[in-house]
Amino acid sequence: MKQIKIPAVFMRGGTSKAIVFQQKDLPADRALWDDIFLAAIGSPDPSGRQLDGMGGGVSSLSKVCVVGPASRPDADIDYTFAQVLVKDERVDYSGNCGNMSSAMGPFALDERLVHCAGPEAVVRIHNTNTKKIIRSRFLVDGGLAAVDGELSIPGVSGTGSPVRLEFLNPGGATTGKLLPTENVSDVLDVPGIGKITVSMIDAANACVFVRAQDVGLSGIEMPEALDANREVMEKLAAIRLAASVAMGISADLAAAAKITTVPFIGFIAEPREAKLLSGETIRVDDIDLTGRIISSAQTHRALPLTGSLCMAVAARLEGSVVNRVARATSNVDAPIRIGMPSGVLVVAATVKKDQGHWVAEQGAFYRTARRLFEGAVYVRGSRVASSVSAAGRATADIAH
């Protein structure tokens, strides 16, 4: 069977890369998207390399984004994120990707989905996964999103033009509540492990945080070492599944195992001197918190933005496990500097108490993004035959 050609753009957003489709070029029936995304990315691949597709063999490079007209009046575009599993035949829509969110505003401008007459664009992004609004601010160069600039971000070589992302009212993105259990910390009784103190927070994406020392870690382990430590990874996976049930994301452990994206699980420690993937060293005085995050059974080389925002919000919640190890400060509006394998991530998180309840007002980051190529992605017709017949339009463009 011949291959199928679908218009697409390949973009880097922060420390992730993804295929970006316009919604009009995909089937109206979203149940048909999975086959297309799996074929385009090259999953499932038991070898973990995704050589027959656009994926890169790790979760941060196995992503798809879909952009279309806004479905609500307070937004300019809709953006749907899809996490494509590397080794499994599964696409997960349960959470958002903060890094790829930084590419959505520039994509929309370059594709003429939005318009800007001045030197700076502001695009209101409705993330359909979390039902949240993200405000994207970036410079414009000749009517297109600016690329060159002086901003350097950990995990990406070189510099670029800054994209400011403002996550508005990020609390309850997954569960509807900033504190799904109503508590800033809980004691989970984890099957096979026993009781362990955690904080289950839902801001931008649902996360569960545990102290590194409580799972036998120092907090400054490198990703490859963690991924190879089967005992620790299984322990963290068990905590994540138990937290999924406790947060109301899943009805039971079996259902939790089928949701690979949320909750993220992170472990944290006090500010510590640590080696980076680059070989350089983070100094204790340069950070307020040490953190690692695992999603889709892989340790992130550079922390996911949504998980980092959630971690920063947790650091502002008095009594949470994150708050207990973070550097104390009297300035609650100061950005939080998180030490991670690729460097230091600076996160602004505004949190307050309203009538005795914690409220996350917003979180903000700076990222860079770049369009890497545009044209069409080819997928095997034998893998998406049903999707093609349903799509009718661009996906029916058969190429040799």
Protein backbone atom coordinates (compact mmCIF):
# COMPACT_ATOMS: atom_id res chain seq x y z
CA MET A 1 0.00 0.00 0.00
CA LYS A 2 1.25 3.49 -0.81
CA GLN A 3 2.22 6.04 1.79
CA ILE A 4 0.00 8.88 2.96
CA LYS A 5 1.17 12.49 3.06
CA ILE A 6 -0.14 14.82 5.77
CA PRO A 7 0.82 18.52 6.05
CA ALA A 8 2.89 19.07 9.20
CA VAL A 9 5.55 21.16 10.90
CA PHE A 10 8.34 19.83 13.11
CA MET A 11 9.15 22.18 15.99
CA ARG A 12 11.27 22.45 19.07
CA GLY A 13 9.55 23.95 22.07
CA GLY A 14 11.86 24.40 25.07
CA THR A 15 13.53 21.04 25.67
CA SER A 16 11.01 18.99 23.66
CA LYS A 17 10.31 18.38 19.98
CA ALA A 18 7.03 17.44 18.31
CA ILE A 19 5.17 17.03 15.06
CA VAL A 20 2.62 19.85 14.87
CA PHE A 21 -0.52 19.41 12.79
CA GLN A 22 -3.27 21.83 11.95
CA GLN A 23 -6.57 20.39 13.11
CA LYS A 24 -8.12 20.87 9.67
CA ASP A 25 -5.65 18.37 8.19
CA LEU A 26 -6.72 15.54 10.52
CA PRO A 27 -9.94 13.50 10.66
CA ALA A 28 -12.86 15.17 12.39
CA ASP A 29 -13.31 11.97 14.41
CA ARG A 30 -10.57 12.19 17.05
CA ALA A 31 -10.78 8.47 17.70
CA LEU A 32 -8.90 8.09 14.43
CA TRP A 33 -5.97 10.27 15.48
CA ASP A 34 -4.11 7.62 17.47
CA ASP A 35 -3.27 5.46 14.43
CA ILE A 36 -1.91 8.49 12.57
CA PHE A 37 0.18 9.72 15.50
CA LEU A 38 1.64 6.29 16.25
CA ALA A 39 2.59 5.77 12.61
CA ALA A 40 4.07 9.25 12.22
CA ILE A 41 6.19 9.04 15.39
CA GLY A 42 7.25 5.40 14.82
CA SER A 43 5.61 3.65 17.77
CA PRO A 44 5.41 1.07 19.12
CA ASP A 45 9.11 0.24 18.85
CA PRO A 46 10.40 -2.55 21.14
CA SER A 47 13.96 -1.37 20.47
CA GLY A 48 13.08 2.08 21.82
CA ARG A 49 14.63 4.01 18.91
CA GLN A 50 11.62 4.92 16.73
CA LEU A 51 13.79 4.80 13.62
CA ASP A 52 10.77 4.26 11.34
CA GLY A 53 9.19 7.53 12.42
CA MET A 54 9.87 11.04 13.66
CA GLY A 55 10.34 10.14 17.33
CA GLY A 56 13.68 10.22 19.09
CA GLY A 57 13.38 7.27 21.48
CA VAL A 58 12.66 9.28 24.66
CA SER A 59 9.44 10.79 25.94
CA SER A 60 10.52 14.40 25.31
CA LEU A 61 10.96 13.61 21.60
CA SER A 62 7.84 11.46 21.15
CA LYS A 63 5.12 14.08 21.00
CA VAL A 64 2.38 15.42 18.74
CA CYS A 65 0.56 18.74 18.93
CA VAL A 66 -2.63 19.75 17.14
CA VAL A 67 -3.62 23.41 16.68
CA GLY A 68 -6.96 24.73 15.50
CA PRO A 69 -9.50 27.53 15.92
CA ALA A 70 -10.40 28.49 19.47
CA SER A 71 -13.46 26.77 20.93
CA ARG A 72 -13.93 29.36 23.70
CA PRO A 73 -14.13 33.19 23.61
CA ASP A 74 -11.20 33.87 25.95
CA ALA A 75 -8.70 32.11 23.64
CA ASP A 76 -7.18 32.64 20.20
CA ILE A 77 -6.37 29.00 19.41
CA ASP A 78 -7.05 25.49 20.68
CA TYR A 79 -4.04 23.27 21.34
CA THR A 80 -4.22 19.54 22.02
CA PHE A 81 -1.17 17.65 23.24
CA ALA A 82 -0.56 13.94 22.61
CA GLN A 83 2.18 11.96 24.36
CA VAL A 84 3.06 8.99 22.16
CA LEU A 85 4.55 6.11 24.10
CA VAL A 86 7.82 4.81 22.70
CA LYS A 87 7.55 1.04 23.20
CA ASP A 88 3.80 0.67 23.65
CA GLU A 89 0.97 1.15 21.17
CA ARG A 90 -0.63 3.95 23.12
CA VAL A 91 -1.28 7.69 22.89
CA ASP A 92 -1.93 9.58 26.12
CA TYR A 93 -3.95 12.81 26.19
CA SER A 94 -4.29 13.06 29.97
CA GLY A 95 -1.87 15.97 30.47
CA ASN A 96 -0.22 18.94 28.80
CA CYS A 97 3.39 19.57 27.76
CA GLY A 98 4.65 22.93 29.02
CA ASN A 99 7.71 22.93 26.79
CA MET A 100 5.73 22.36 23.59
CA SER A 101 3.25 24.98 24.78
CA SER A 102 6.00 27.52 24.08
CA ALA A 103 5.92 26.60 20.38
CA MET A 104 2.17 26.97 19.94
CA GLY A 105 2.01 30.78 19.79
CA PRO A 106 4.84 31.05 17.24
CA PHE A 107 3.29 28.22 15.21
CA ALA A 108 -0.08 29.96 15.16
CA LEU A 109 1.45 33.24 14.01
CA ASP A 110 3.63 31.67 11.32
CA GLU A 111 0.66 29.65 10.05
CA ARG A 112 -1.51 32.81 9.96
CA LEU A 113 -3.95 31.36 12.46
CA VAL A 114 -3.50 34.58 14.44
CA HIS A 115 -2.32 38.03 13.37
CA CYS A 116 -0.06 40.65 14.93
CA ALA A 117 0.66 44.16 13.65
CA GLY A 118 3.19 45.17 16.29
CA PRO A 119 6.64 44.08 17.51
CA GLU A 120 5.26 41.69 20.15
CA ALA A 121 2.58 39.03 19.85
CA VAL A 122 0.30 37.85 22.63
CA VAL A 123 -1.51 34.59 21.91
CA ARG A 124 -4.08 33.12 24.28
CA ILE A 125 -3.79 29.34 24.07
CA HIS A 126 -6.59 27.04 25.21
CA ASN A 127 -5.04 23.72 26.12
CA THR A 128 -7.83 21.22 25.55
CA ASN A 129 -6.16 18.54 27.70
CA THR A 130 -6.36 20.59 30.89
CA LYS A 131 -9.04 23.14 29.89
CA LYS A 132 -6.62 25.88 30.97
CA ILE A 133 -5.54 29.14 29.32
CA ILE A 134 -1.85 29.81 28.67
CA ARG A 135 -0.78 33.29 27.60
CA SER A 136 2.20 33.29 25.23
CA ARG A 137 4.23 36.47 24.66
CA PHE A 138 7.00 36.64 22.06
CA LEU A 139 8.72 39.04 19.68
CA VAL A 140 7.82 39.35 16.01
CA ASP A 141 10.34 39.71 13.18
CA GLY A 142 9.04 40.55 9.72
CA GLY A 143 5.56 39.28 10.53
CA LEU A 144 6.87 35.93 11.82
CA ALA A 145 7.83 34.70 15.28
CA ALA A 146 11.35 35.90 16.12
CA VAL A 147 13.99 33.18 16.40
CA ASP A 148 17.30 34.87 17.25
CA GLY A 149 17.83 36.26 20.73
CA GLU A 150 19.95 36.14 23.86
CA LEU A 151 17.99 33.72 26.03
CA SER A 152 19.76 30.49 26.95
CA ILE A 153 17.78 27.69 28.58
CA PRO A 154 19.19 24.60 30.31
CA GLY A 155 19.26 21.57 28.04
CA VAL A 156 19.32 23.47 24.72
CA SER A 157 22.57 24.61 23.11
CA GLY A 158 22.84 28.19 21.90
CA THR A 159 20.42 31.04 22.47
CA GLY A 160 17.08 32.16 21.10
CA SER A 161 14.32 34.74 21.26
CA PRO A 162 12.39 34.46 24.55
CA VAL A 163 8.86 33.15 24.75
CA ARG A 164 7.13 34.02 28.01
CA LEU A 165 4.48 31.52 29.05
CA GLU A 166 1.93 32.52 31.68
CA PHE A 167 -0.22 29.67 32.99
CA LEU A 168 -3.37 31.33 34.31
CA ASN A 169 -5.15 29.74 37.28
CA PRO A 170 -3.22 26.48 36.84
CA GLY A 171 -4.74 24.74 39.85
CA GLY A 172 -6.92 21.71 39.17
CA ALA A 173 -5.72 21.10 35.61
CA THR A 174 -6.20 17.33 35.93
CA THR A 175 -8.52 16.78 38.88
CA GLY A 176 -10.33 20.10 39.22
CA LYS A 177 -8.62 20.85 42.54
CA LEU A 178 -5.22 22.29 43.45
CA LEU A 179 -5.22 19.92 46.43
CA PRO A 180 -7.12 16.80 45.29
CA THR A 181 -7.09 15.29 48.81
CA GLU A 182 -7.64 18.70 50.49
CA ASN A 183 -4.24 18.27 52.19
CA VAL A 184 -0.80 19.72 51.45
CA SER A 185 0.70 16.39 52.51
CA ASP A 186 -0.60 12.87 53.03
CA VAL A 187 0.65 9.49 54.12
CA LEU A 188 0.11 6.95 51.36
CA ASP A 189 -0.03 3.25 52.13
CA VAL A 190 1.64 1.93 48.99
CA PRO A 191 1.24 -1.79 48.19
CA GLY A 192 4.59 -3.56 48.49
CA ILE A 193 6.28 -0.50 50.01
CA GLY A 194 4.33 0.61 53.03
CA LYS A 195 3.54 4.07 54.34
CA ILE A 196 5.28 7.08 52.82
CA THR A 197 4.69 10.82 53.14
CA VAL A 198 3.89 12.60 49.89
CA SER A 199 2.38 15.81 48.58
CA MET A 200 -0.21 15.41 45.82
CA ILE A 201 -0.59 18.71 43.99
CA ASP A 202 -2.46 19.54 40.78
CA ALA A 203 -1.15 22.69 39.07
CA ALA A 204 -0.68 22.69 35.26
CA ASN A 205 -0.50 18.89 35.54
CA ALA A 206 -1.14 16.60 38.49
CA CYS A 207 2.03 15.56 40.34
CA VAL A 208 3.02 13.57 43.40
CA PHE A 209 6.18 14.60 45.24
CA VAL A 210 8.26 12.59 47.69
CA ARG A 211 11.47 13.40 49.54
CA ALA A 212 14.50 11.80 47.93
CA GLN A 213 15.73 10.40 51.24
CA ASP A 214 12.41 8.61 51.78
CA VAL A 215 13.00 6.46 48.69
CA GLY A 216 16.70 5.87 49.34
CA LEU A 217 18.04 8.60 47.06
CA SER A 218 20.23 11.65 47.47
CA GLY A 219 18.27 13.81 45.05
CA ILE A 220 21.15 14.53 42.67
CA GLU A 221 21.16 11.23 40.76
CA MET A 222 21.64 11.45 36.99
CA PRO A 223 18.83 10.29 34.65
CA GLU A 224 20.69 7.32 33.16
CA ALA A 225 21.59 6.00 36.61
CA LEU A 226 17.99 6.34 37.76
CA ASP A 227 16.55 4.68 34.67
CA ALA A 228 18.94 1.76 35.18
CA ASN A 229 18.00 1.40 38.87
CA ARG A 230 15.10 -0.99 38.49
CA GLU A 231 14.34 -1.22 42.22
CA VAL A 232 13.99 2.54 42.65
CA MET A 233 12.02 3.00 39.42
CA GLU A 234 9.57 0.29 40.46
CA LYS A 235 9.19 1.90 43.88
CA LEU A 236 8.50 5.32 42.33
CA ALA A 237 6.07 3.75 39.86
CA ALA A 238 4.16 2.12 42.72
CA ILE A 239 3.92 5.44 44.56
CA ARG A 240 2.67 7.12 41.38
CA LEU A 241 -0.09 4.53 40.90
CA ALA A 242 -1.21 4.81 44.52
CA ALA A 243 -1.26 8.60 44.21
CA SER A 244 -3.34 8.37 41.02
CA VAL A 245 -6.05 6.55 42.96
CA ALA A 246 -5.78 8.85 45.99
CA MET A 247 -6.09 11.94 43.76
CA GLY A 248 -9.19 10.56 42.05
CA ILE A 249 -7.50 10.33 38.65
CA SER A 250 -8.06 6.56 38.54
CA ALA A 251 -10.60 4.28 40.16
CA ASP A 252 -8.05 1.62 41.05
CA LEU A 253 -4.43 0.58 40.50
CA ALA A 254 -5.23 -1.31 37.30
CA ALA A 255 -6.85 1.78 35.80
CA ALA A 256 -3.96 3.94 37.02
CA ALA A 257 -1.46 1.76 35.16
CA LYS A 258 -3.20 2.62 31.88
CA ILE A 259 -2.62 6.37 32.33
CA THR A 260 1.04 6.99 31.62
CA THR A 261 1.34 10.77 31.75
CA VAL A 262 -0.32 11.97 34.96
CA PRO A 263 0.37 12.16 37.72
CA PHE A 264 4.04 12.93 37.19
CA ILE A 265 6.17 11.70 40.07
CA GLY A 266 8.99 13.86 41.36
CA PHE A 267 11.45 13.55 44.19
CA ILE A 268 12.99 16.55 45.83
CA ALA A 269 15.80 17.48 48.19
CA GLU A 270 17.27 20.59 49.75
CA PRO A 271 19.62 22.74 47.62
CA ARG A 272 22.67 20.58 46.88
CA GLU A 273 25.82 20.96 44.86
CA ALA A 274 25.55 18.63 41.88
CA LYS A 275 27.16 17.74 38.59
CA LEU A 276 25.23 18.53 35.40
CA LEU A 277 24.92 16.53 32.21
CA SER A 278 27.30 19.08 30.66
CA GLY A 279 29.96 18.28 33.26
CA GLU A 280 29.57 21.65 34.97
CA THR A 281 28.55 22.01 38.61
CA ILE A 282 25.53 23.64 40.23
CA ARG A 283 26.48 25.57 43.34
CA VAL A 284 24.28 25.40 46.43
CA ASP A 285 23.81 29.18 46.48
CA ASP A 286 22.47 29.16 42.91
CA ILE A 287 19.33 27.13 43.66
CA ASP A 288 16.43 26.99 46.10
CA LEU A 289 15.48 23.37 45.56
CA THR A 290 16.79 20.16 43.99
CA GLY A 291 14.33 18.18 41.88
CA ARG A 292 13.91 15.27 39.51
CA ILE A 293 10.73 14.25 37.63
CA ILE A 294 9.75 10.98 35.98
CA SER A 295 6.98 10.56 33.42
CA SER A 296 6.17 7.76 31.00
CA ALA A 297 8.65 5.63 33.02
CA GLN A 298 11.60 7.85 32.05
CA THR A 299 13.62 10.38 34.03
CA HIS A 300 13.63 13.81 32.44
CA ARG A 301 16.99 15.26 31.46
CA ALA A 302 15.46 18.73 31.75
CA LEU A 303 12.40 19.03 33.96
CA PRO A 304 9.03 19.26 32.18
CA LEU A 305 7.61 22.74 32.55
CA THR A 306 4.22 21.70 33.86
CA GLY A 307 5.86 19.48 36.48
CA SER A 308 8.24 22.28 37.39
CA LEU A 309 5.38 24.74 37.77
CA CYS A 310 3.60 22.26 40.01
CA MET A 311 6.81 21.80 42.02
CA ALA A 312 7.17 25.58 42.42
CA VAL A 313 3.56 25.91 43.55
CA ALA A 314 4.12 23.07 46.04
CA ALA A 315 7.18 24.90 47.38
CA ARG A 316 4.89 27.80 48.32
CA LEU A 317 2.36 25.59 50.14
CA GLU A 318 3.29 25.61 53.82
CA GLY A 319 3.74 22.08 55.14
CA SER A 320 4.14 20.31 51.81
CA VAL A 321 7.11 17.97 51.41
CA VAL A 322 8.50 20.37 48.80
CA ASN A 323 8.09 23.39 51.06
CA ARG A 324 9.94 21.61 53.87
CA VAL A 325 13.12 21.14 51.83
CA ALA A 326 13.06 24.34 49.74
CA ARG A 327 15.19 27.31 50.76
CA ALA A 328 13.23 29.50 53.15
CA THR A 329 12.45 33.05 52.01
CA SER A 330 10.40 35.97 53.25
CA ASN A 331 9.67 37.07 49.67
CA VAL A 332 6.78 34.90 48.55
CA ASP A 333 6.86 36.50 45.10
CA ALA A 334 10.49 35.58 44.41
CA PRO A 335 11.02 33.09 41.56
CA ILE A 336 12.06 29.59 42.59
CA ARG A 337 15.33 28.22 41.20
CA ILE A 338 15.17 24.46 40.72
CA GLY A 339 18.39 22.49 40.28
CA MET A 340 18.00 19.68 37.73
CA PRO A 341 20.25 17.49 35.54
CA SER A 342 20.51 20.09 32.75
CA GLY A 343 21.00 23.18 34.92
CA VAL A 344 18.80 25.64 36.79
CA LEU A 345 15.16 26.24 35.91
CA VAL A 346 13.65 29.49 37.18
CA VAL A 347 9.90 29.38 37.83
CA ALA A 348 7.59 32.16 38.96
CA ALA A 349 4.63 30.91 40.99
CA THR A 350 2.01 33.12 42.61
CA VAL A 351 0.16 31.35 45.42
CA LYS A 352 -2.13 32.79 48.08
CA LYS A 353 -4.73 31.81 50.64
CA ASP A 354 -8.33 32.83 49.98
CA GLN A 355 -10.78 32.27 52.83
CA GLY A 356 -8.52 29.58 54.25
CA HIS A 357 -7.99 27.75 50.94
CA TRP A 358 -4.83 27.71 48.86
CA VAL A 359 -5.15 29.22 45.38
CA ALA A 360 -2.55 29.12 42.59
CA GLU A 361 -3.02 32.37 40.65
CA GLN A 362 -0.44 31.85 37.92
CA GLY A 363 2.94 30.46 37.00
CA ALA A 364 5.37 31.78 34.41
CA PHE A 365 8.49 30.68 32.51
CA TYR A 366 10.71 31.79 29.69
CA ARG A 367 11.45 29.32 26.91
CA THR A 368 12.74 29.42 23.35
CA ALA A 369 11.14 27.74 20.34
CA ARG A 370 12.04 27.18 16.72
CA ARG A 371 10.40 25.83 13.58
CA LEU A 372 12.75 23.11 12.30
CA PHE A 373 10.99 22.14 9.08
CA GLU A 374 7.65 22.31 7.35
CA GLY A 375 6.05 20.24 4.65
CA ALA A 376 4.46 16.85 5.09
CA VAL A 377 4.95 13.75 7.19
CA TYR A 378 4.61 10.37 5.49
CA VAL A 379 2.91 7.44 7.19
CA ARG A 380 2.35 3.90 6.01
CA GLY A 381 -1.08 3.58 4.44
CA SER A 382 -1.36 0.05 5.82
CA ARG A 383 -1.27 1.44 9.37
CA VAL A 384 -3.85 4.20 8.98
CA ALA A 385 -6.22 2.91 6.29
CA SER A 386 -9.34 3.44 8.39
CA SER A 387 -8.22 6.94 9.37
CA VAL A 388 -7.58 7.90 5.76
CA SER A 389 -10.99 6.80 4.56
CA ALA A 390 -12.60 8.81 7.37
CA ALA A 391 -10.48 11.93 6.89
CA GLY A 392 -11.19 12.45 3.23
CA ARG A 393 -9.23 15.70 2.85
CA ALA A 394 -5.47 16.17 3.17
CA THR A 395 -4.89 12.71 4.57
CA ALA A 396 -6.24 11.23 1.37
CA ASP A 397 -3.35 12.77 -0.59
CA ILE A 398 -1.53 9.59 -1.64
CA ALA A 399 2.20 9.86 -2.32
CA HIS A 400 4.59 7.33 -3.76
